[in-house]
PDB file of N, CA and C in Angstrom:
ATOM      1  N   UNK A   1      -6.356   9.449   9.708  1.00  0.00           N
ATOM      2  CA  UNK A   1      -6.437   8.009   9.801  1.00  0.00           C
ATOM      3  C   UNK A   1      -7.810   7.549   9.318  1.00  0.00           C
ATOM      4  N   UNK A   2      -7.823   6.363   8.711  1.00  0.00           N
ATOM      5  CA  UNK A   2      -9.049   5.853   8.113  1.00  0.00           C
ATOM      6  C   UNK A   2      -9.416   4.530   8.758  1.00  0.00           C
ATOM      7  N   UNK A   3     -10.659   4.368   9.166  1.00  0.00           N
ATOM      8  CA  UNK A   3     -11.169   3.070   9.595  1.00  0.00           C
ATOM      9  C   UNK A   3     -10.474   2.456  10.785  1.00  0.00           C
ATOM     10  N   UNK A   4     -10.137   3.218  11.802  1.00  0.00           N
ATOM     11  CA  UNK A   4      -9.436   2.671  12.960  1.00  0.00           C
ATOM     12  C   UNK A   4     -10.427   1.889  13.823  1.00  0.00           C
ATOM     13  N   UNK A   5     -10.095   0.629  14.094  1.00  0.00           N
ATOM     14  CA  UNK A   5     -10.973  -0.212  14.896  1.00  0.00           C
ATOM     15  C   UNK A   5     -10.138  -0.956  15.931  1.00  0.00           C
ATOM     16  N   UNK A   6     -10.349  -0.635  17.193  1.00  0.00           N
ATOM     17  CA  UNK A   6      -9.735  -1.347  18.316  1.00  0.00           C
ATOM     18  C   UNK A   6      -8.252  -1.639  18.134  1.00  0.00           C
ATOM     19  N   UNK A   7      -7.491  -0.677  17.649  1.00  0.00           N
ATOM     20  CA  UNK A   7      -6.050  -0.823  17.572  1.00  0.00           C
ATOM     21  C   UNK A   7      -5.558  -1.816  16.532  1.00  0.00           C
ATOM     22  N   UNK A   8      -6.427  -2.274  15.671  1.00  0.00           N
ATOM     23  CA  UNK A   8      -6.031  -3.242  14.644  1.00  0.00           C
ATOM     24  C   UNK A   8      -5.611  -2.473  13.400  1.00  0.00           C
ATOM     25  N   UNK A   9      -4.391  -1.928  13.416  1.00  0.00           N
ATOM     26  CA  UNK A   9      -3.935  -1.043  12.349  1.00  0.00           C
ATOM     27  C   UNK A   9      -2.835  -1.657  11.502  1.00  0.00           C
ATOM     28  N   UNK A  10      -2.775  -1.183  10.283  1.00  0.00           N
ATOM     29  CA  UNK A  10      -1.679  -1.463   9.375  1.00  0.00           C
ATOM     30  C   UNK A  10      -1.163  -0.113   8.908  1.00  0.00           C
ATOM     31  N   UNK A  11       0.137   0.062   8.879  1.00  0.00           N
ATOM     32  CA  UNK A  11       0.741   1.312   8.434  1.00  0.00           C
ATOM     33  C   UNK A  11       1.202   1.165   6.992  1.00  0.00           C
ATOM     34  N   UNK A  12       0.912   2.189   6.185  1.00  0.00           N
ATOM     35  CA  UNK A  12       1.331   2.210   4.784  1.00  0.00           C
ATOM     36  C   UNK A  12       2.169   3.464   4.582  1.00  0.00           C
ATOM     37  N   UNK A  13       3.360   3.303   4.015  1.00  0.00           N
ATOM     38  CA  UNK A  13       4.277   4.410   3.769  1.00  0.00           C
ATOM     39  C   UNK A  13       4.473   4.577   2.270  1.00  0.00           C
ATOM     40  N   UNK A  14       4.352   5.811   1.817  1.00  0.00           N
ATOM     41  CA  UNK A  14       4.528   6.154   0.408  1.00  0.00           C
ATOM     42  C   UNK A  14       5.868   6.862   0.278  1.00  0.00           C
ATOM     43  N   UNK A  15       6.794   6.246  -0.426  1.00  0.00           N
ATOM     44  CA  UNK A  15       8.142   6.777  -0.507  1.00  0.00           C
ATOM     45  C   UNK A  15       8.405   7.450  -1.851  1.00  0.00           C
ATOM     46  N   UNK A  16       9.203   8.491  -1.803  1.00  0.00           N
ATOM     47  CA  UNK A  16       9.697   9.185  -2.982  1.00  0.00           C
ATOM     48  C   UNK A  16       8.564   9.646  -3.896  1.00  0.00           C
ATOM     49  N   UNK A  17       8.659   9.348  -5.183  1.00  0.00           N
ATOM     50  CA  UNK A  17       7.693   9.873  -6.156  1.00  0.00           C
ATOM     51  C   UNK A  17       6.296   9.263  -6.026  1.00  0.00           C
ATOM     52  N   UNK A  18       6.125   8.226  -5.232  1.00  0.00           N
ATOM     53  CA  UNK A  18       4.783   7.689  -4.992  1.00  0.00           C
ATOM     54  C   UNK A  18       3.913   8.781  -4.350  1.00  0.00           C
ATOM     55  N   UNK A  19       4.543   9.660  -3.572  1.00  0.00           N
ATOM     56  CA  UNK A  19       3.818  10.750  -2.918  1.00  0.00           C
ATOM     57  C   UNK A  19       3.196  11.717  -3.925  1.00  0.00           C
ATOM     58  N   UNK A  20       3.703  11.743  -5.147  1.00  0.00           N
ATOM     59  CA  UNK A  20       3.103  12.578  -6.196  1.00  0.00           C
ATOM     60  C   UNK A  20       1.670  12.139  -6.497  1.00  0.00           C
ATOM     61  N   UNK A  21       1.350  10.902  -6.179  1.00  0.00           N
ATOM     62  CA  UNK A  21       0.031  10.334  -6.478  1.00  0.00           C
ATOM     63  C   UNK A  21      -0.868  10.253  -5.240  1.00  0.00           C
ATOM     64  N   UNK A  22      -0.352  10.714  -4.092  1.00  0.00           N
ATOM     65  CA  UNK A  22      -1.130  10.663  -2.850  1.00  0.00           C
ATOM     66  C   UNK A  22      -1.456  12.061  -2.331  1.00  0.00           C
ATOM     67  N   UNK A  23      -1.281  13.059  -3.167  1.00  0.00           N
ATOM     68  CA  UNK A  23      -1.514  14.423  -2.712  1.00  0.00           C
ATOM     69  C   UNK A  23      -0.504  14.855  -1.664  1.00  0.00           C
ATOM     70  N   UNK A  24       0.656  14.214  -1.657  1.00  0.00           N
ATOM     71  CA  UNK A  24       1.700  14.553  -0.698  1.00  0.00           C
ATOM     72  C   UNK A  24       1.676  13.737   0.578  1.00  0.00           C
ATOM     73  N   UNK A  25       0.662  12.888   0.756  1.00  0.00           N
ATOM     74  CA  UNK A  25       0.638  12.029   1.949  1.00  0.00           C
ATOM     75  C   UNK A  25       1.877  11.148   1.963  1.00  0.00           C
ATOM     76  N   UNK A  26       2.529  11.088   3.115  1.00  0.00           N
ATOM     77  CA  UNK A  26       3.709  10.242   3.279  1.00  0.00           C
ATOM     78  C   UNK A  26       3.366   8.894   3.900  1.00  0.00           C
ATOM     79  N   UNK A  27       2.249   8.862   4.630  1.00  0.00           N
ATOM     80  CA  UNK A  27       1.856   7.611   5.278  1.00  0.00           C
ATOM     81  C   UNK A  27       0.363   7.643   5.576  1.00  0.00           C
ATOM     82  N   UNK A  28      -0.147   6.470   5.917  1.00  0.00           N
ATOM     83  CA  UNK A  28      -1.560   6.297   6.205  1.00  0.00           C
ATOM     84  C   UNK A  28      -1.698   5.079   7.104  1.00  0.00           C
ATOM     85  N   UNK A  29      -2.608   5.139   8.058  1.00  0.00           N
ATOM     86  CA  UNK A  29      -2.899   3.968   8.870  1.00  0.00           C
ATOM     87  C   UNK A  29      -4.295   3.489   8.514  1.00  0.00           C
ATOM     88  N   UNK A  30      -4.409   2.204   8.262  1.00  0.00           N
ATOM     89  CA  UNK A  30      -5.682   1.587   7.912  1.00  0.00           C
ATOM     90  C   UNK A  30      -6.051   0.579   8.979  1.00  0.00           C
ATOM     91  N   UNK A  31      -7.334   0.517   9.279  1.00  0.00           N
ATOM     92  CA  UNK A  31      -7.813  -0.434  10.266  1.00  0.00           C
ATOM     93  C   UNK A  31      -8.397  -1.673   9.608  1.00  0.00           C
ATOM     94  N   UNK A  32      -8.301  -2.777  10.297  1.00  0.00           N
ATOM     95  CA  UNK A  32      -8.938  -4.008   9.865  1.00  0.00           C
ATOM     96  C   UNK A  32     -10.302  -4.090  10.524  1.00  0.00           C
ATOM     97  N   UNK A  33     -11.280  -4.616   9.809  1.00  0.00           N
ATOM     98  CA  UNK A  33     -12.616  -4.749  10.357  1.00  0.00           C
ATOM     99  C   UNK A  33     -13.399  -3.459  10.338  1.00  0.00           C
ATOM    100  N   UNK A  34     -12.998  -2.510   9.492  1.00  0.00           N
ATOM    101  CA  UNK A  34     -13.646  -1.201   9.457  1.00  0.00           C
ATOM    102  C   UNK A  34     -14.979  -1.230   8.737  1.00  0.00           C
ATOM    103  N   UNK A  35     -15.257  -2.281   8.003  1.00  0.00           N
ATOM    104  CA  UNK A  35     -16.529  -2.396   7.316  1.00  0.00           C
ATOM    105  C   UNK A  35     -16.582  -1.676   5.979  1.00  0.00           C
ATOM    106  N   UNK A  36     -15.593  -0.853   5.672  1.00  0.00           N
ATOM    107  CA  UNK A  36     -15.574  -0.116   4.407  1.00  0.00           C
ATOM    108  C   UNK A  36     -14.598  -0.748   3.425  1.00  0.00           C
ATOM    109  N   UNK A  37     -14.276  -1.973   3.628  1.00  0.00           N
ATOM    110  CA  UNK A  37     -13.291  -2.649   2.805  1.00  0.00           C
ATOM    111  C   UNK A  37     -12.080  -2.964   3.652  1.00  0.00           C
ATOM    112  N   UNK A  38     -11.505  -4.088   3.398  1.00  0.00           N
ATOM    113  CA  UNK A  38     -10.352  -4.506   4.175  1.00  0.00           C
ATOM    114  C   UNK A  38      -9.225  -4.896   3.248  1.00  0.00           C
ATOM    115  N   UNK A  39      -8.022  -4.573   3.647  1.00  0.00           N
ATOM    116  CA  UNK A  39      -6.839  -4.882   2.862  1.00  0.00           C
ATOM    117  C   UNK A  39      -6.226  -6.175   3.383  1.00  0.00           C
ATOM    118  N   UNK A  40      -6.802  -7.296   2.973  1.00  0.00           N
ATOM    119  CA  UNK A  40      -6.298  -8.599   3.419  1.00  0.00           C
ATOM    120  C   UNK A  40      -5.089  -9.070   2.605  1.00  0.00           C
ATOM    121  N   UNK A  41      -4.853  -8.438   1.450  1.00  0.00           N
ATOM    122  CA  UNK A  41      -3.660  -8.709   0.662  1.00  0.00           C
ATOM    123  C   UNK A  41      -3.301  -7.430  -0.088  1.00  0.00           C
ATOM    124  N   UNK A  42      -2.170  -7.439  -0.787  1.00  0.00           N
ATOM    125  CA  UNK A  42      -1.721  -6.221  -1.464  1.00  0.00           C
ATOM    126  C   UNK A  42      -2.674  -5.789  -2.572  1.00  0.00           C
ATOM    127  N   UNK A  43      -3.271  -6.734  -3.282  1.00  0.00           N
ATOM    128  CA  UNK A  43      -4.243  -6.356  -4.315  1.00  0.00           C
ATOM    129  C   UNK A  43      -5.400  -5.563  -3.713  1.00  0.00           C
ATOM    130  N   UNK A  44      -5.922  -6.031  -2.581  1.00  0.00           N
ATOM    131  CA  UNK A  44      -7.017  -5.328  -1.914  1.00  0.00           C
ATOM    132  C   UNK A  44      -6.551  -3.970  -1.393  1.00  0.00           C
ATOM    133  N   UNK A  45      -5.308  -3.904  -0.915  1.00  0.00           N
ATOM    134  CA  UNK A  45      -4.765  -2.630  -0.449  1.00  0.00           C
ATOM    135  C   UNK A  45      -4.689  -1.629  -1.599  1.00  0.00           C
ATOM    136  N   UNK A  46      -4.211  -2.079  -2.761  1.00  0.00           N
ATOM    137  CA  UNK A  46      -4.138  -1.197  -3.924  1.00  0.00           C
ATOM    138  C   UNK A  46      -5.532  -0.698  -4.300  1.00  0.00           C
ATOM    139  N   UNK A  47      -6.524  -1.579  -4.239  1.00  0.00           N
ATOM    140  CA  UNK A  47      -7.904  -1.159  -4.529  1.00  0.00           C
ATOM    141  C   UNK A  47      -8.382  -0.098  -3.543  1.00  0.00           C
ATOM    142  N   UNK A  48      -8.134  -0.312  -2.250  1.00  0.00           N
ATOM    143  CA  UNK A  48      -8.534   0.663  -1.236  1.00  0.00           C
ATOM    144  C   UNK A  48      -7.839   2.004  -1.443  1.00  0.00           C
ATOM    145  N   UNK A  49      -6.541   1.945  -1.691  1.00  0.00           N
ATOM    146  CA  UNK A  49      -5.790   3.181  -1.887  1.00  0.00           C
ATOM    147  C   UNK A  49      -6.176   3.860  -3.199  1.00  0.00           C
ATOM    148  N   UNK A  50      -6.488   3.063  -4.219  1.00  0.00           N
ATOM    149  CA  UNK A  50      -6.951   3.626  -5.485  1.00  0.00           C
ATOM    150  C   UNK A  50      -8.278   4.349  -5.318  1.00  0.00           C
ATOM    151  N   UNK A  51      -9.163   3.807  -4.470  1.00  0.00           N
ATOM    152  CA  UNK A  51     -10.435   4.474  -4.196  1.00  0.00           C
ATOM    153  C   UNK A  51     -10.204   5.799  -3.469  1.00  0.00           C
ATOM    154  N   UNK A  52      -9.196   5.831  -2.645  1.00  0.00           N
ATOM    155  CA  UNK A  52      -8.890   7.052  -1.883  1.00  0.00           C
ATOM    156  C   UNK A  52      -8.149   8.083  -2.723  1.00  0.00           C
ATOM    157  N   UNK A  53      -7.159   7.637  -3.493  1.00  0.00           N
ATOM    158  CA  UNK A  53      -6.270   8.565  -4.205  1.00  0.00           C
ATOM    159  C   UNK A  53      -6.548   8.674  -5.701  1.00  0.00           C
ATOM    160  N   UNK A  54      -7.392   7.824  -6.245  1.00  0.00           N
ATOM    161  CA  UNK A  54      -7.777   7.940  -7.645  1.00  0.00           C
ATOM    162  C   UNK A  54      -7.048   6.988  -8.587  1.00  0.00           C
ATOM    163  N   UNK A  55      -7.520   7.015  -9.828  1.00  0.00           N
ATOM    164  CA  UNK A  55      -6.989   6.105 -10.852  1.00  0.00           C
ATOM    165  C   UNK A  55      -5.512   6.345 -11.136  1.00  0.00           C
ATOM    166  N   UNK A  56      -5.058   7.594 -11.029  1.00  0.00           N
ATOM    167  CA  UNK A  56      -3.644   7.883 -11.272  1.00  0.00           C
ATOM    168  C   UNK A  56      -2.744   7.105 -10.336  1.00  0.00           C
ATOM    169  N   UNK A  57      -3.137   7.038  -9.059  1.00  0.00           N
ATOM    170  CA  UNK A  57      -2.381   6.255  -8.082  1.00  0.00           C
ATOM    171  C   UNK A  57      -2.390   4.785  -8.468  1.00  0.00           C
ATOM    172  N   UNK A  58      -3.583   4.271  -8.726  1.00  0.00           N
ATOM    173  CA  UNK A  58      -3.722   2.852  -9.054  1.00  0.00           C
ATOM    174  C   UNK A  58      -2.916   2.493 -10.303  1.00  0.00           C
ATOM    175  N   UNK A  59      -3.012   3.325 -11.326  1.00  0.00           N
ATOM    176  CA  UNK A  59      -2.265   3.061 -12.559  1.00  0.00           C
ATOM    177  C   UNK A  59      -0.767   3.078 -12.311  1.00  0.00           C
ATOM    178  N   UNK A  60      -0.300   4.016 -11.489  1.00  0.00           N
ATOM    179  CA  UNK A  60       1.131   4.114 -11.218  1.00  0.00           C
ATOM    180  C   UNK A  60       1.637   2.893 -10.463  1.00  0.00           C
ATOM    181  N   UNK A  61       0.974   2.518  -9.376  1.00  0.00           N
ATOM    182  CA  UNK A  61       1.488   1.405  -8.577  1.00  0.00           C
ATOM    183  C   UNK A  61       1.284   0.056  -9.264  1.00  0.00           C
ATOM    184  N   UNK A  62       0.285  -0.041 -10.146  1.00  0.00           N
ATOM    185  CA  UNK A  62       0.078  -1.284 -10.886  1.00  0.00           C
ATOM    186  C   UNK A  62       0.905  -1.359 -12.162  1.00  0.00           C
ATOM    187  N   UNK A  63       1.508  -0.241 -12.558  1.00  0.00           N
ATOM    188  CA  UNK A  63       2.276  -0.213 -13.799  1.00  0.00           C
ATOM    189  C   UNK A  63       3.466  -1.145 -13.757  1.00  0.00           C
ATOM    190  N   UNK A  64       3.728  -1.783 -14.857  1.00  0.00           N
ATOM    191  CA  UNK A  64       4.840  -2.736 -14.959  1.00  0.00           C
ATOM    192  C   UNK A  64       6.160  -2.039 -14.631  1.00  0.00           C
ATOM    193  N   UNK A  65       6.800  -2.483 -13.582  1.00  0.00           N
ATOM    194  CA  UNK A  65       8.110  -1.958 -13.226  1.00  0.00           C
ATOM    195  C   UNK A  65       8.103  -0.596 -12.562  1.00  0.00           C
ATOM    196  N   UNK A  66       6.946  -0.091 -12.142  1.00  0.00           N
ATOM    197  CA  UNK A  66       6.908   1.224 -11.497  1.00  0.00           C
ATOM    198  C   UNK A  66       7.233   1.171 -10.014  1.00  0.00           C
ATOM    199  N   UNK A  67       6.681   0.195  -9.309  1.00  0.00           N
ATOM    200  CA  UNK A  67       6.792   0.188  -7.849  1.00  0.00           C
ATOM    201  C   UNK A  67       7.230  -1.160  -7.299  1.00  0.00           C
ATOM    202  N   UNK A  68       7.758  -1.077  -6.102  1.00  0.00           N
ATOM    203  CA  UNK A  68       8.221  -2.226  -5.355  1.00  0.00           C
ATOM    204  C   UNK A  68       7.537  -2.166  -3.992  1.00  0.00           C
ATOM    205  N   UNK A  69       7.114  -3.295  -3.480  1.00  0.00           N
ATOM    206  CA  UNK A  69       6.398  -3.349  -2.206  1.00  0.00           C
ATOM    207  C   UNK A  69       7.211  -4.117  -1.173  1.00  0.00           C
ATOM    208  N   UNK A  70       7.307  -3.555   0.007  1.00  0.00           N
ATOM    209  CA  UNK A  70       7.920  -4.229   1.145  1.00  0.00           C
ATOM    210  C   UNK A  70       6.849  -4.402   2.214  1.00  0.00           C
ATOM    211  N   UNK A  71       6.815  -5.562   2.827  1.00  0.00           N
ATOM    212  CA  UNK A  71       5.938  -5.801   3.975  1.00  0.00           C
ATOM    213  C   UNK A  71       6.848  -6.200   5.133  1.00  0.00           C
ATOM    214  N   UNK A  72       6.809  -5.387   6.161  1.00  0.00           N
ATOM    215  CA  UNK A  72       7.663  -5.600   7.335  1.00  0.00           C
ATOM    216  C   UNK A  72       9.130  -5.711   6.946  1.00  0.00           C
ATOM    217  N   UNK A  73       9.520  -4.884   5.959  1.00  0.00           N
ATOM    218  CA  UNK A  73      10.917  -4.789   5.550  1.00  0.00           C
ATOM    219  C   UNK A  73      11.380  -5.806   4.533  1.00  0.00           C
ATOM    220  N   UNK A  74      10.517  -6.707   4.100  1.00  0.00           N
ATOM    221  CA  UNK A  74      10.907  -7.749   3.144  1.00  0.00           C
ATOM    222  C   UNK A  74      10.118  -7.618   1.850  1.00  0.00           C
ATOM    223  N   UNK A  75      10.796  -7.900   0.730  1.00  0.00           N
ATOM    224  CA  UNK A  75      10.117  -7.915  -0.558  1.00  0.00           C
ATOM    225  C   UNK A  75       9.023  -8.963  -0.572  1.00  0.00           C
ATOM    226  N   UNK A  76       8.022  -8.748  -1.422  1.00  0.00           N
ATOM    227  CA  UNK A  76       6.844  -9.617  -1.392  1.00  0.00           C
ATOM    228  C   UNK A  76       6.882 -10.755  -2.408  1.00  0.00           C
ATOM    229  N   UNK A  77       7.897 -10.822  -3.240  1.00  0.00           N
ATOM    230  CA  UNK A  77       7.940 -11.855  -4.275  1.00  0.00           C
ATOM    231  C   UNK A  77       7.814 -13.259  -3.680  1.00  0.00           C
ATOM    232  N   UNK A  78       8.513 -13.525  -2.600  1.00  0.00           N
ATOM    233  CA  UNK A  78       8.481 -14.849  -1.979  1.00  0.00           C
ATOM    234  C   UNK A  78       7.217 -15.081  -1.155  1.00  0.00           C
ATOM    235  N   UNK A  79       6.430 -14.033  -0.934  1.00  0.00           N
ATOM    236  CA  UNK A  79       5.205 -14.143  -0.124  1.00  0.00           C
ATOM    237  C   UNK A  79       3.951 -14.173  -0.977  1.00  0.00           C
ATOM    238  N   UNK A  80       4.095 -14.264  -2.290  1.00  0.00           N
ATOM    239  CA  UNK A  80       2.925 -14.330  -3.150  1.00  0.00           C
ATOM    240  C   UNK A  80       2.703 -13.093  -3.989  1.00  0.00           C
ATOM    241  N   UNK A  81       3.699 -12.224  -4.086  1.00  0.00           N
ATOM    242  CA  UNK A  81       3.559 -11.024  -4.907  1.00  0.00           C
ATOM    243  C   UNK A  81       2.428 -10.150  -4.394  1.00  0.00           C
ATOM    244  N   UNK A  82       1.606  -9.645  -5.307  1.00  0.00           N
ATOM    245  CA  UNK A  82       0.498  -8.777  -4.913  1.00  0.00           C
ATOM    246  C   UNK A  82      -0.607  -9.538  -4.177  1.00  0.00           C
ATOM    247  N   UNK A  83      -0.538 -10.854  -4.185  1.00  0.00           N
ATOM    248  CA  UNK A  83      -1.472 -11.657  -3.410  1.00  0.00           C
ATOM    249  C   UNK A  83      -0.973 -11.933  -1.995  1.00  0.00           C
ATOM    250  N   UNK A  84       0.169 -11.322  -1.632  1.00  0.00           N
ATOM    251  CA  UNK A  84       0.738 -11.541  -0.303  1.00  0.00           C
ATOM    252  C   UNK A  84      -0.260 -11.119   0.771  1.00  0.00           C
ATOM    253  N   UNK A  85      -0.515 -11.986   1.748  1.00  0.00           N
ATOM    254  CA  UNK A  85      -1.473 -11.647   2.800  1.00  0.00           C
ATOM    255  C   UNK A  85      -0.950 -10.532   3.697  1.00  0.00           C
ATOM    256  N   UNK A  86      -1.876  -9.737   4.208  1.00  0.00           N
ATOM    257  CA  UNK A  86      -1.556  -8.668   5.143  1.00  0.00           C
ATOM    258  C   UNK A  86      -2.308  -8.906   6.439  1.00  0.00           C
ATOM    259  N   UNK A  87      -1.762  -8.376   7.524  1.00  0.00           N
ATOM    260  CA  UNK A  87      -2.373  -8.572   8.838  1.00  0.00           C
ATOM    261  C   UNK A  87      -2.240  -7.299   9.660  1.00  0.00           C
ATOM    262  N   UNK A  88      -3.074  -7.159  10.690  1.00  0.00           N
ATOM    263  CA  UNK A  88      -2.922  -6.012  11.577  1.00  0.00           C
ATOM    264  C   UNK A  88      -1.500  -5.935  12.110  1.00  0.00           C
ATOM    265  N   UNK A  89      -0.986  -4.730  12.181  1.00  0.00           N
ATOM    266  CA  UNK A  89       0.375  -4.523  12.659  1.00  0.00           C
ATOM    267  C   UNK A  89       1.417  -4.507  11.566  1.00  0.00           C
ATOM    268  N   UNK A  90       1.046  -4.902  10.345  1.00  0.00           N
ATOM    269  CA  UNK A  90       2.010  -4.891   9.251  1.00  0.00           C
ATOM    270  C   UNK A  90       2.399  -3.472   8.875  1.00  0.00           C
ATOM    271  N   UNK A  91       3.625  -3.351   8.387  1.00  0.00           N
ATOM    272  CA  UNK A  91       4.143  -2.096   7.850  1.00  0.00           C
ATOM    273  C   UNK A  91       4.389  -2.331   6.364  1.00  0.00           C
ATOM    274  N   UNK A  92       3.635  -1.613   5.521  1.00  0.00           N
ATOM    275  CA  UNK A  92       3.758  -1.749   4.066  1.00  0.00           C
ATOM    276  C   UNK A  92       4.438  -0.492   3.534  1.00  0.00           C
ATOM    277  N   UNK A  93       5.464  -0.691   2.737  1.00  0.00           N
ATOM    278  CA  UNK A  93       6.151   0.426   2.092  1.00  0.00           C
ATOM    279  C   UNK A  93       5.996   0.275   0.588  1.00  0.00           C
ATOM    280  N   UNK A  94       5.591   1.359  -0.056  1.00  0.00           N
ATOM    281  CA  UNK A  94       5.443   1.384  -1.517  1.00  0.00           C
ATOM    282  C   UNK A  94       6.472   2.371  -2.026  1.00  0.00           C
ATOM    283  N   UNK A  95       7.402   1.874  -2.832  1.00  0.00           N
ATOM    284  CA  UNK A  95       8.447   2.745  -3.348  1.00  0.00           C
ATOM    285  C   UNK A  95       8.642   2.509  -4.837  1.00  0.00           C
ATOM    286  N   UNK A  96       9.035   3.555  -5.534  1.00  0.00           N
ATOM    287  CA  UNK A  96       9.251   3.394  -6.977  1.00  0.00           C
ATOM    288  C   UNK A  96      10.593   2.717  -7.215  1.00  0.00           C
ATOM    289  N   UNK A  97      10.646   1.990  -8.325  1.00  0.00           N
ATOM    290  CA  UNK A  97      11.932   1.462  -8.750  1.00  0.00           C
ATOM    291  C   UNK A  97      12.808   2.632  -9.164  1.00  0.00           C
ATOM    292  N   UNK A  98      14.073   2.541  -8.860  1.00  0.00           N
ATOM    293  CA  UNK A  98      15.028   3.558  -9.281  1.00  0.00           C
ATOM    294  C   UNK A  98      15.666   3.073 -10.568  1.00  0.00           C
ATOM    295  N   UNK A  99      15.615   3.931 -11.569  1.00  0.00           N
ATOM    296  CA  UNK A  99      16.179   3.554 -12.860  1.00  0.00           C
ATOM    297  C   UNK A  99      17.177   4.606 -13.277  1.00  0.00           C
ATOM    298  N   UNK A 100      18.092   4.201 -14.055  1.00  0.00           N
ATOM    299  CA  UNK A 100      19.086   5.154 -14.533  1.00  0.00           C
ATOM    300  C   UNK A 100      20.249   4.421 -15.178  1.00  0.00           C
ATOM    301  N   UNK A 101      21.196   5.176 -15.553  1.00  0.00           N
ATOM    302  CA  UNK A 101      22.324   4.554 -16.237  1.00  0.00           C
ATOM    303  C   UNK A 101      23.629   5.089 -15.805  1.00  0.00           C
TER     304      UNK A 101
END
């Protein structure tokens, strides 16, 4: 766990092939108010996770059509896309789009 402060946590889940870019991590808990950067929206979360997992992670999740984000079980398009605000207690899921024919 990273930056845990007084129970103010957000859970992040990496689903399917996203785990290829996290060294196999399936989930992570991030604290708010940790002083090392805060994920107040999805863009900031991607920056924090990119600092932890590297440019490959950042490039993959930022790639056009690579990933889909859910916050508390709902898609983020109606909440502002990658600018969607995040709060302590949120559950963020990052999953790849499934493509095929």
